[in-house]
C-alpha atoms as a PDB file:
ATOM      1  CA  MET A   1      12.981 -23.511  -4.576  1.00  0.00           C
ATOM      2  CA  PHE A   2      12.453 -19.973  -5.813  1.00  0.00           C
ATOM      3  CA  ASP A   3      14.923 -17.316  -4.655  1.00  0.00           C
ATOM      4  CA  PRO A   4      13.454 -13.797  -4.684  1.00  0.00           C
ATOM      5  CA  PRO A   5      15.300 -11.086  -6.637  1.00  0.00           C
ATOM      6  CA  ILE A   6      17.624  -8.664  -4.891  1.00  0.00           C
ATOM      7  CA  LYS A   7      16.317  -5.096  -5.175  1.00  0.00           C
ATOM      8  CA  THR A   8      18.705  -2.158  -5.388  1.00  0.00           C
ATOM      9  CA  THR A   9      19.099   1.265  -6.995  1.00  0.00           C
ATOM     10  CA  GLY A  10      21.641   2.652  -9.425  1.00  0.00           C
ATOM     11  CA  THR A  11      22.552   5.512 -11.741  1.00  0.00           C
ATOM     12  CA  VAL A  12      22.548   5.127 -15.524  1.00  0.00           C
ATOM     13  CA  ILE A  13      25.938   5.959 -17.037  1.00  0.00           C
ATOM     14  CA  ASP A  14      25.558   5.089 -20.709  1.00  0.00           C
ATOM     15  CA  SER A  15      23.389   3.267 -23.242  1.00  0.00           C
ATOM     16  CA  PRO A  16      25.598   1.388 -25.738  1.00  0.00           C
ATOM     17  CA  LYS A  17      22.565  -0.279 -27.395  1.00  0.00           C
ATOM     18  CA  GLU A  18      18.832   0.225 -27.430  1.00  0.00           C
ATOM     19  CA  ASN A  19      17.251  -1.057 -24.187  1.00  0.00           C
ATOM     20  CA  ILE A  20      20.690  -1.925 -22.725  1.00  0.00           C
ATOM     21  CA  TYR A  21      22.258   0.369 -20.117  1.00  0.00           C
ATOM     22  CA  GLN A  22      25.415   0.591 -18.054  1.00  0.00           C
ATOM     23  CA  VAL A  23      24.315   1.225 -14.476  1.00  0.00           C
ATOM     24  CA  GLU A  24      26.516   2.165 -11.523  1.00  0.00           C
ATOM     25  CA  LEU A  25      25.431   0.683  -8.200  1.00  0.00           C
ATOM     26  CA  PRO A  26      25.862   2.527  -4.865  1.00  0.00           C
ATOM     27  CA  ASN A  27      28.979   0.420  -4.108  1.00  0.00           C
ATOM     28  CA  GLY A  28      30.659   1.657  -7.335  1.00  0.00           C
ATOM     29  CA  LYS A  29      30.242  -1.552  -9.351  1.00  0.00           C
ATOM     30  CA  ILE A  30      29.054  -1.122 -12.947  1.00  0.00           C
ATOM     31  CA  ILE A  31      26.547  -3.658 -14.258  1.00  0.00           C
ATOM     32  CA  VAL A  32      24.453  -4.143 -17.396  1.00  0.00           C
ATOM     33  CA  GLY A  33      20.814  -3.147 -16.961  1.00  0.00           C
ATOM     34  CA  HIS A  34      18.000  -4.101 -19.310  1.00  0.00           C
ATOM     35  CA  ILE A  35      14.272  -3.451 -19.539  1.00  0.00           C
ATOM     36  CA  ALA A  36      11.702  -6.230 -19.694  1.00  0.00           C
ATOM     37  CA  LYS A  37       9.641  -6.229 -22.902  1.00  0.00           C
ATOM     38  CA  ALA A  38       6.495  -5.427 -20.919  1.00  0.00           C
ATOM     39  CA  MET A  39       8.168  -2.237 -19.625  1.00  0.00           C
ATOM     40  CA  VAL A  40       9.611  -0.995 -22.932  1.00  0.00           C
ATOM     41  CA  ALA A  41       7.747   2.310 -22.444  1.00  0.00           C
ATOM     42  CA  LEU A  42      10.371   3.148 -19.792  1.00  0.00           C
ATOM     43  CA  HIS A  43      13.027   3.421 -22.514  1.00  0.00           C
ATOM     44  CA  GLN A  44      12.115   7.012 -23.387  1.00  0.00           C
ATOM     45  CA  ASP A  45      12.352   8.062 -19.710  1.00  0.00           C
ATOM     46  CA  ILE A  46      15.874   6.728 -19.163  1.00  0.00           C
ATOM     47  CA  LYS A  47      18.750   9.129 -19.761  1.00  0.00           C
ATOM     48  CA  PRO A  48      22.327   9.274 -18.447  1.00  0.00           C
ATOM     49  CA  THR A  49      22.249  10.258 -14.747  1.00  0.00           C
ATOM     50  CA  SER A  50      18.733   8.795 -14.305  1.00  0.00           C
ATOM     51  CA  LYS A  51      18.208   6.970 -11.030  1.00  0.00           C
ATOM     52  CA  VAL A  52      16.736   3.507 -11.597  1.00  0.00           C
ATOM     53  CA  GLU A  53      15.477   0.645  -9.450  1.00  0.00           C
ATOM     54  CA  LEU A  54      16.905  -2.759 -10.358  1.00  0.00           C
ATOM     55  CA  GLU A  55      16.228  -6.406  -9.643  1.00  0.00           C
ATOM     56  CA  LEU A  56      19.212  -8.771  -9.644  1.00  0.00           C
ATOM     57  CA  THR A  57      19.126 -12.539  -9.413  1.00  0.00           C
ATOM     58  CA  PRO A  58      21.030 -14.053  -6.490  1.00  0.00           C
ATOM     59  CA  TYR A  59      23.064 -16.044  -9.035  1.00  0.00           C
ATOM     60  CA  ASP A  60      24.429 -13.287 -11.313  1.00  0.00           C
ATOM     61  CA  PHE A  61      25.312  -9.834  -9.973  1.00  0.00           C
ATOM     62  CA  SER A  62      26.676  -8.567 -13.316  1.00  0.00           C
ATOM     63  CA  LYS A  63      23.285  -7.767 -14.857  1.00  0.00           C
ATOM     64  CA  GLY A  64      19.891  -6.645 -13.675  1.00  0.00           C
ATOM     65  CA  ARG A  65      16.376  -5.770 -14.807  1.00  0.00           C
ATOM     66  CA  ILE A  66      15.315  -2.113 -14.631  1.00  0.00           C
ATOM     67  CA  VAL A  67      11.858  -1.992 -13.032  1.00  0.00           C
ATOM     68  CA  ALA A  68      11.411   1.734 -12.322  1.00  0.00           C
ATOM     69  CA  VAL A  69      12.885   5.129 -13.211  1.00  0.00           C
ATOM     70  CA  ASN A  70      13.164   8.114 -10.890  1.00  0.00           C
ATOM     71  CA  ASN A  71      14.064  11.323 -12.780  1.00  0.00           C
ATOM     72  CA  ASP A  72      13.647  13.745  -9.863  1.00  0.00           C
END
């Protein structure tokens, strides 16, 4: 049975490696965010303090996939 991803938002804090980001969730928890290879064009838009949309699996809340960037 397929469990749908959990969607949330967060704020980028740091980028220790290329395409890997530390993201703070609204509850204060810091997780590792990454970009899917198909969305690698987002890398140039992501800076510290960028607001991002994330998808987390229901099995591991310590990392998530960045699916959108909101730099308003």
